[in-house]
Amino acid sequence: MSVTIKEFGKTRAGQIVHSFTLYQDNGTFCTLISYGGAVQSLLMPDRSGRFQDIVLGYDDMAGYEGLNNPYHGALIGRHGNRIEDACFEIDGRTYHLARNDGRNHLHGGLRGFDKQIWQGEPVNAPEGPAVCFRYRSPDGDEGYPGNLDVEATYVLTADQALIIRYRAVSDQKTVINLTNHSYFNLAGQGSGTILAHQVQIEADEFTAINQECNPTGEIIPVAGTALDFRQMKPIGRDIGSGELQIINGLGYDHNFILRDKSPGRKACAAVYEPKFGRVMTVETTSPGVQLYTGNFMKPDTGKEGVRYDYRNGFCLETQYFPNSLKHKNFPSPIFAAGEVFSQETVYRFSAR
């Protein structure tokens, strides 16, 4: 077990970006970069013991700063996902945010946490090698109130899991909804479409979306819809069903309400890739998870010169519900001054 630190590159502004590679004795490793606190690579074995990189990303900073980067591997904040009309209210005061998704606000704004340089350092974790990324988001950053101190700790375990622990606290009442935007392809990055991947989600309901992919406040049972993942099924089976929710999302871009409402860590989702046999299970302390099937991905060149395109990766983003600031029936992501935001998500890997 070890952590190796290197210079990954420099931003266009000349800032140095470091990489942190977590190694386990069984051959698994994960590389993280201080730009966006992003997961840059994650190698896991298939059923034959062959290691492949199963997250999408880039080999250099030109890729990460490029216009086609759809948040590959990045930490997302202050508010992951969408806020309708790019504004919200706290205690009678309206805060205006960037309209970077049509008239709406997406993933923290024009320069959200995904575009910041985080301070990273190796830390001790009982489960394995770890790195903690820290960032202070100043009062007024992207329109959000309060000085917010954020930590995200990644741990690579001996039993092939990647743990992400989030902690944040502000000196004013503010919004906190952190997540990670890794795109997975369990057949290996650059191996094409993810439609044959089989997915199961621990949810009986989802939050309905409109044509802007904003939740409307309506909660719909998954039973009898294309969004029924209570039993494992291929992503591609119903993605072309023609149902209104699929049309609105251009595929799957929906928040699922986890069945287990307990505050601790619980089962969230499972994914199986039949060609190579990799399995990914997800556990989280969050109340929801967004299944996103890369519907807005554009042709791009990824790591090792491979081609990325439409639906070549999927995301499972653990979170508070999108647009929750507009709907009082959703769990609230508003935290008082001094109140600690704490969340943990585990991506666990195996093969069969």
Protein backbone atom coordinates (compact mmCIF):
# COMPACT_ATOMS: atom_id res chain seq x y z
CA MET A 1 0.00 0.00 0.00
CA SER A 2 1.34 3.41 -0.90
CA VAL A 3 0.61 6.87 -2.29
CA THR A 4 2.73 8.42 -5.05
CA ILE A 5 2.62 12.16 -5.79
CA LYS A 6 3.68 13.63 -9.15
CA GLU A 7 3.21 16.77 -11.18
CA PHE A 8 0.34 16.07 -13.59
CA GLY A 9 0.61 19.31 -15.55
CA LYS A 10 -0.19 23.00 -15.49
CA THR A 11 -3.40 24.89 -16.15
CA ARG A 12 -3.58 27.54 -18.86
CA ALA A 13 -3.11 30.08 -16.06
CA GLY A 14 0.14 28.37 -15.01
CA GLN A 15 -1.12 26.66 -11.84
CA ILE A 16 0.56 23.36 -11.04
CA VAL A 17 -1.73 20.32 -10.87
CA HIS A 18 -0.57 17.24 -8.96
CA SER A 19 -1.58 13.61 -9.27
CA PHE A 20 -1.95 11.26 -6.31
CA THR A 21 -1.90 7.54 -7.05
CA LEU A 22 -3.21 5.13 -4.42
CA TYR A 23 -1.77 1.60 -4.73
CA GLN A 24 -2.93 -1.65 -3.19
CA ASP A 25 -0.78 -4.80 -3.02
CA ASN A 26 -3.30 -6.73 -5.15
CA GLY A 27 -2.54 -4.56 -8.19
CA THR A 28 -5.50 -2.20 -8.03
CA PHE A 29 -4.74 1.50 -8.13
CA CYS A 30 -6.50 4.83 -8.45
CA THR A 31 -5.06 8.13 -9.66
CA LEU A 32 -6.60 11.42 -8.52
CA ILE A 33 -5.69 14.93 -9.63
CA SER A 34 -5.87 18.20 -7.73
CA TYR A 35 -7.76 19.86 -10.60
CA GLY A 36 -11.36 19.33 -9.59
CA GLY A 37 -10.27 16.66 -7.10
CA ALA A 38 -11.01 14.31 -9.99
CA VAL A 39 -10.72 10.54 -10.32
CA GLN A 40 -8.37 10.33 -13.31
CA SER A 41 -7.98 6.54 -13.49
CA LEU A 42 -9.19 3.45 -11.64
CA LEU A 43 -7.83 0.01 -12.49
CA MET A 44 -9.80 -3.07 -11.48
CA PRO A 45 -9.54 -6.73 -12.61
CA ASP A 46 -12.10 -8.61 -14.72
CA ARG A 47 -13.15 -12.25 -14.32
CA SER A 48 -9.84 -13.37 -15.91
CA GLY A 49 -7.75 -11.18 -13.62
CA ARG A 50 -6.99 -8.67 -16.38
CA PHE A 51 -6.73 -5.08 -15.17
CA GLN A 52 -8.37 -2.26 -17.11
CA ASP A 53 -9.00 1.40 -16.46
CA ILE A 54 -12.78 1.70 -15.93
CA VAL A 55 -13.26 5.48 -15.63
CA LEU A 56 -13.20 8.00 -18.46
CA GLY A 57 -10.84 10.97 -18.41
CA TYR A 58 -7.80 12.57 -19.99
CA ASP A 59 -4.02 12.17 -19.98
CA ASP A 60 -3.27 15.89 -19.72
CA MET A 61 -4.60 19.24 -18.58
CA ALA A 62 -5.55 20.27 -22.10
CA GLY A 63 -8.26 17.63 -21.96
CA TYR A 64 -9.53 18.57 -18.52
CA GLU A 65 -9.68 22.26 -19.44
CA GLY A 66 -11.19 21.52 -22.85
CA LEU A 67 -14.72 22.53 -23.81
CA ASN A 68 -15.81 18.92 -24.30
CA ASN A 69 -14.99 17.80 -20.75
CA PRO A 70 -18.34 16.70 -19.26
CA TYR A 71 -17.07 16.86 -15.63
CA HIS A 72 -14.97 13.66 -15.97
CA GLY A 73 -14.29 12.27 -12.50
CA ALA A 74 -14.68 15.64 -10.79
CA LEU A 75 -15.93 16.72 -7.39
CA ILE A 76 -19.12 18.73 -7.86
CA GLY A 77 -20.31 21.66 -5.71
CA ARG A 78 -21.52 23.71 -4.10
CA HIS A 79 -24.72 22.21 -5.46
CA GLY A 80 -24.58 19.11 -7.63
CA ASN A 81 -27.15 18.87 -10.42
CA ARG A 82 -29.74 21.50 -11.40
CA ILE A 83 -31.33 24.53 -9.74
CA GLU A 84 -34.29 25.88 -11.69
CA ASP A 85 -34.13 29.52 -12.82
CA ALA A 86 -30.61 29.78 -11.33
CA CYS A 87 -31.72 31.23 -8.02
CA PHE A 88 -32.82 30.20 -4.54
CA GLU A 89 -34.05 31.82 -1.35
CA ILE A 90 -32.78 31.57 2.22
CA ASP A 91 -34.56 33.44 5.02
CA GLY A 92 -36.28 35.79 2.60
CA ARG A 93 -33.17 36.71 0.62
CA THR A 94 -32.81 35.64 -3.00
CA TYR A 95 -29.41 34.48 -4.26
CA HIS A 96 -28.74 34.61 -8.00
CA LEU A 97 -26.48 32.05 -9.66
CA ALA A 98 -24.95 31.52 -13.10
CA ARG A 99 -27.30 30.36 -15.85
CA ASN A 100 -24.96 27.75 -17.30
CA ASP A 101 -27.63 25.24 -18.42
CA GLY A 102 -30.11 27.25 -20.44
CA ARG A 103 -31.98 29.37 -17.88
CA ASN A 104 -30.90 27.03 -15.09
CA HIS A 105 -27.88 26.47 -12.87
CA LEU A 106 -25.91 23.22 -13.17
CA HIS A 107 -23.20 21.60 -11.03
CA GLY A 108 -22.11 24.70 -9.13
CA GLY A 109 -21.83 27.19 -11.97
CA LEU A 110 -19.31 28.46 -14.50
CA ARG A 111 -16.35 27.73 -12.22
CA GLY A 112 -17.68 25.19 -9.79
CA PHE A 113 -15.61 22.87 -7.65
CA ASP A 114 -14.79 20.80 -10.76
CA LYS A 115 -12.62 23.66 -12.10
CA GLN A 116 -10.79 24.56 -8.89
CA ILE A 117 -7.32 23.53 -7.72
CA TRP A 118 -7.73 21.55 -4.51
CA GLN A 119 -4.99 21.11 -1.93
CA GLY A 120 -4.29 17.41 -1.65
CA GLU A 121 -2.26 15.42 0.85
CA PRO A 122 -1.93 11.76 1.81
CA VAL A 123 -3.71 10.93 5.06
CA ASN A 124 -4.03 7.91 7.31
CA ALA A 125 -7.15 5.79 6.85
CA PRO A 126 -7.71 2.40 8.47
CA GLU A 127 -9.01 0.88 5.22
CA GLY A 128 -6.02 1.69 3.00
CA PRO A 129 -4.05 4.42 1.21
CA ALA A 130 -5.91 7.73 1.12
CA VAL A 131 -5.69 11.33 -0.02
CA CYS A 132 -7.66 14.27 1.35
CA PHE A 133 -8.49 17.21 -0.93
CA ARG A 134 -9.35 20.55 0.68
CA TYR A 135 -10.83 23.72 -0.78
CA ARG A 136 -12.20 26.95 0.68
CA SER A 137 -15.07 28.39 -1.33
CA PRO A 138 -15.25 32.10 -0.37
CA ASP A 139 -18.42 33.97 0.48
CA GLY A 140 -20.16 34.88 -2.77
CA ASP A 141 -18.37 32.19 -4.81
CA GLU A 142 -20.60 31.59 -7.85
CA GLY A 143 -23.32 33.48 -5.97
CA TYR A 144 -23.51 31.21 -2.90
CA PRO A 145 -23.41 32.69 0.62
CA GLY A 146 -20.83 31.92 3.29
CA ASN A 147 -17.21 30.87 3.46
CA LEU A 148 -17.38 27.12 2.93
CA ASP A 149 -14.55 24.78 3.94
CA VAL A 150 -14.74 21.49 2.06
CA GLU A 151 -12.89 18.19 2.41
CA ALA A 152 -13.15 15.14 0.17
CA THR A 153 -11.17 12.05 1.17
CA TYR A 154 -10.63 9.15 -1.22
CA VAL A 155 -9.61 5.74 0.16
CA LEU A 156 -8.65 2.63 -1.87
CA THR A 157 -9.30 -0.55 0.10
CA ALA A 158 -7.73 -3.99 -0.09
CA ASP A 159 -11.10 -5.51 -1.03
CA GLN A 160 -11.37 -3.38 -4.20
CA ALA A 161 -13.47 -0.46 -3.06
CA LEU A 162 -13.12 3.27 -3.58
CA ILE A 163 -14.53 5.23 -0.64
CA ILE A 164 -15.32 8.94 -0.93
CA ARG A 165 -15.94 10.84 2.32
CA TYR A 166 -17.22 14.42 2.10
CA ARG A 167 -17.22 17.01 4.86
CA ALA A 168 -18.15 20.69 4.61
CA VAL A 169 -19.05 23.53 6.96
CA SER A 170 -19.89 27.20 6.38
CA ASP A 171 -19.86 30.33 8.52
CA GLN A 172 -23.29 31.32 7.11
CA LYS A 173 -26.47 29.46 6.28
CA THR A 174 -25.90 28.08 2.80
CA VAL A 175 -26.51 25.31 0.28
CA ILE A 176 -24.34 22.17 0.29
CA ASN A 177 -24.90 19.23 -2.06
CA LEU A 178 -21.64 17.52 -3.00
CA THR A 179 -21.12 14.57 -5.32
CA ASN A 180 -18.62 12.97 -7.70
CA HIS A 181 -19.11 12.90 -11.47
CA SER A 182 -17.08 9.86 -12.55
CA TYR A 183 -18.10 8.24 -15.82
CA PHE A 184 -17.73 4.46 -15.58
CA ASN A 185 -17.41 1.88 -18.31
CA LEU A 186 -16.85 -1.53 -16.71
CA ALA A 187 -15.65 -2.98 -20.03
CA GLY A 188 -12.80 -0.47 -19.93
CA GLN A 189 -12.58 3.19 -20.84
CA GLY A 190 -12.78 3.68 -24.60
CA SER A 191 -14.62 0.40 -25.20
CA GLY A 192 -17.75 2.01 -26.62
CA THR A 193 -21.36 2.10 -25.55
CA ILE A 194 -22.55 1.23 -22.03
CA LEU A 195 -26.00 0.02 -23.20
CA ALA A 196 -25.21 -3.65 -22.43
CA HIS A 197 -24.35 -2.86 -18.81
CA GLN A 198 -27.00 -4.22 -16.45
CA VAL A 199 -28.18 -1.94 -13.64
CA GLN A 200 -30.20 -2.42 -10.46
CA ILE A 201 -31.20 0.50 -8.21
CA GLU A 202 -32.61 0.26 -4.67
CA ALA A 203 -35.50 2.60 -5.39
CA ASP A 204 -39.27 2.32 -5.79
CA GLU A 205 -39.72 5.97 -6.86
CA PHE A 206 -38.03 8.68 -8.88
CA THR A 207 -38.39 12.44 -9.23
CA ALA A 208 -40.14 13.33 -12.50
CA ILE A 209 -38.37 15.82 -14.80
CA ASN A 210 -39.50 18.33 -17.42
CA GLN A 211 -37.90 19.04 -20.80
CA GLU A 212 -35.10 20.97 -19.06
CA CYS A 213 -34.28 17.90 -16.92
CA ASN A 214 -35.49 19.82 -13.84
CA PRO A 215 -37.50 17.84 -11.30
CA THR A 216 -41.05 19.15 -11.20
CA GLY A 217 -41.69 18.13 -7.60
CA GLU A 218 -43.76 15.12 -8.64
CA ILE A 219 -42.67 11.73 -7.28
CA ILE A 220 -43.53 8.78 -9.52
CA PRO A 221 -43.40 5.04 -8.75
CA VAL A 222 -40.95 3.21 -11.00
CA ALA A 223 -43.32 0.24 -11.43
CA GLY A 224 -44.53 -0.08 -14.99
CA THR A 225 -42.12 2.54 -16.36
CA ALA A 226 -38.83 2.50 -18.23
CA LEU A 227 -37.23 3.65 -14.98
CA ASP A 228 -37.95 0.41 -13.15
CA PHE A 229 -34.51 -0.88 -12.10
CA ARG A 230 -35.70 -2.81 -9.06
CA GLN A 231 -34.44 -5.92 -10.83
CA MET A 232 -31.21 -5.84 -12.82
CA LYS A 233 -31.73 -5.06 -16.52
CA PRO A 234 -29.60 -3.74 -19.41
CA ILE A 235 -29.44 0.04 -19.72
CA GLY A 236 -30.34 -0.31 -23.40
CA ARG A 237 -33.53 -2.32 -22.88
CA ASP A 238 -35.90 0.60 -22.29
CA ILE A 239 -33.76 3.64 -23.09
CA GLY A 240 -35.54 4.02 -26.42
CA SER A 241 -39.00 3.35 -25.03
CA GLY A 242 -40.53 6.66 -26.11
CA GLU A 243 -41.96 7.34 -22.65
CA LEU A 244 -42.18 11.04 -21.82
CA GLN A 245 -39.64 10.81 -19.01
CA ILE A 246 -37.10 9.17 -21.33
CA ILE A 247 -37.79 11.80 -24.00
CA ASN A 248 -37.34 14.61 -21.47
CA GLY A 249 -34.00 13.22 -20.28
CA LEU A 250 -32.79 12.14 -23.75
CA GLY A 251 -32.33 8.81 -22.00
CA TYR A 252 -31.68 8.28 -18.29
CA ASP A 253 -30.86 11.49 -16.44
CA HIS A 254 -33.03 10.96 -13.38
CA ASN A 255 -32.83 11.06 -9.61
CA PHE A 256 -33.93 7.89 -7.84
CA ILE A 257 -35.25 8.06 -4.27
CA LEU A 258 -33.50 5.38 -2.26
CA ARG A 259 -35.85 2.96 -0.54
CA ASP A 260 -33.86 2.90 2.70
CA LYS A 261 -34.40 6.25 4.42
CA SER A 262 -32.05 5.56 7.33
CA PRO A 263 -29.26 8.11 7.90
CA GLY A 264 -26.43 5.57 7.72
CA ARG A 265 -24.76 3.98 4.74
CA LYS A 266 -27.08 1.71 2.74
CA ALA A 267 -27.21 -0.21 -0.52
CA CYS A 268 -27.80 2.10 -3.46
CA ALA A 269 -27.15 0.40 -6.81
CA ALA A 270 -25.38 -2.44 -8.60
CA VAL A 271 -23.99 -2.69 -12.15
CA TYR A 272 -22.85 -5.79 -14.07
CA GLU A 273 -20.90 -5.78 -17.35
CA PRO A 274 -21.39 -9.19 -19.01
CA LYS A 275 -18.44 -9.26 -21.46
CA PHE A 276 -15.68 -9.06 -18.84
CA GLY A 277 -17.73 -9.82 -15.73
CA ARG A 278 -16.98 -6.75 -13.65
CA VAL A 279 -19.49 -5.84 -10.96
CA MET A 280 -19.80 -2.47 -9.25
CA THR A 281 -21.98 -1.97 -6.17
CA VAL A 282 -22.68 1.42 -4.64
CA GLU A 283 -23.45 2.27 -1.03
CA THR A 284 -24.19 5.76 0.26
CA THR A 285 -25.50 7.88 3.10
CA SER A 286 -27.28 10.17 0.60
CA PRO A 287 -31.07 10.09 0.06
CA GLY A 288 -30.87 9.91 -3.74
CA VAL A 289 -28.78 8.83 -6.71
CA GLN A 290 -28.73 10.17 -10.26
CA LEU A 291 -28.41 7.64 -13.07
CA TYR A 292 -26.96 9.47 -16.06
CA THR A 293 -26.19 7.58 -19.27
CA GLY A 294 -23.95 10.07 -21.06
CA ASN A 295 -26.74 11.47 -23.20
CA PHE A 296 -24.95 14.79 -23.74
CA MET A 297 -21.48 13.34 -24.41
CA LYS A 298 -19.78 14.64 -27.54
CA PRO A 299 -17.08 13.00 -29.69
CA ASP A 300 -13.79 13.47 -27.87
CA THR A 301 -10.32 12.00 -27.45
CA GLY A 302 -9.74 10.43 -24.06
CA LYS A 303 -6.90 8.64 -22.31
CA GLU A 304 -4.43 6.71 -24.48
CA GLY A 305 -5.92 8.39 -27.55
CA VAL A 306 -9.16 6.40 -27.45
CA ARG A 307 -12.39 7.86 -28.81
CA TYR A 308 -15.25 8.83 -26.51
CA ASP A 309 -18.73 9.39 -27.85
CA TYR A 310 -22.44 9.43 -27.02
CA ARG A 311 -23.34 7.08 -24.12
CA ASN A 312 -19.82 5.72 -23.69
CA GLY A 313 -19.99 6.10 -19.89
CA PHE A 314 -22.56 6.12 -17.11
CA CYS A 315 -22.66 8.01 -13.80
CA LEU A 316 -24.20 7.13 -10.46
CA GLU A 317 -24.11 10.44 -8.58
CA THR A 318 -25.16 10.17 -4.94
CA GLN A 319 -26.87 13.37 -3.83
CA TYR A 320 -29.66 15.42 -2.37
CA PHE A 321 -32.41 15.61 -4.98
CA PRO A 322 -31.90 18.01 -7.91
CA ASN A 323 -33.94 21.24 -7.76
CA SER A 324 -34.70 20.53 -4.10
CA LEU A 325 -34.50 24.23 -3.29
CA LYS A 326 -37.76 24.70 -5.24
CA HIS A 327 -39.72 21.81 -3.71
CA LYS A 328 -40.45 21.62 0.01
CA ASN A 329 -41.37 17.92 -0.26
CA PHE A 330 -37.72 17.13 -1.13
CA PRO A 331 -34.95 16.76 1.51
CA SER A 332 -33.37 20.16 2.05
CA PRO A 333 -29.68 20.82 1.21
CA ILE A 334 -29.66 24.03 3.29
CA PHE A 335 -27.24 23.95 6.22
CA ALA A 336 -27.04 26.42 9.09
CA ALA A 337 -23.82 28.23 9.98
CA GLY A 338 -21.53 25.73 11.70
CA GLU A 339 -23.70 22.75 10.77
CA VAL A 340 -21.57 19.98 9.26
CA PHE A 341 -22.39 18.38 5.92
CA SER A 342 -21.12 14.79 6.04
CA GLN A 343 -21.62 12.18 3.33
CA GLU A 344 -19.98 8.89 2.39
CA THR A 345 -20.22 6.88 -0.82
CA VAL A 346 -18.53 3.55 -1.56
CA TYR A 347 -17.96 2.13 -5.06
CA ARG A 348 -17.12 -1.56 -4.57
CA PHE A 349 -15.78 -3.80 -7.35
CA SER A 350 -15.68 -7.54 -8.00
CA ALA A 351 -16.01 -9.92 -10.96
CA ARG A 352 -17.97 -13.02 -11.82
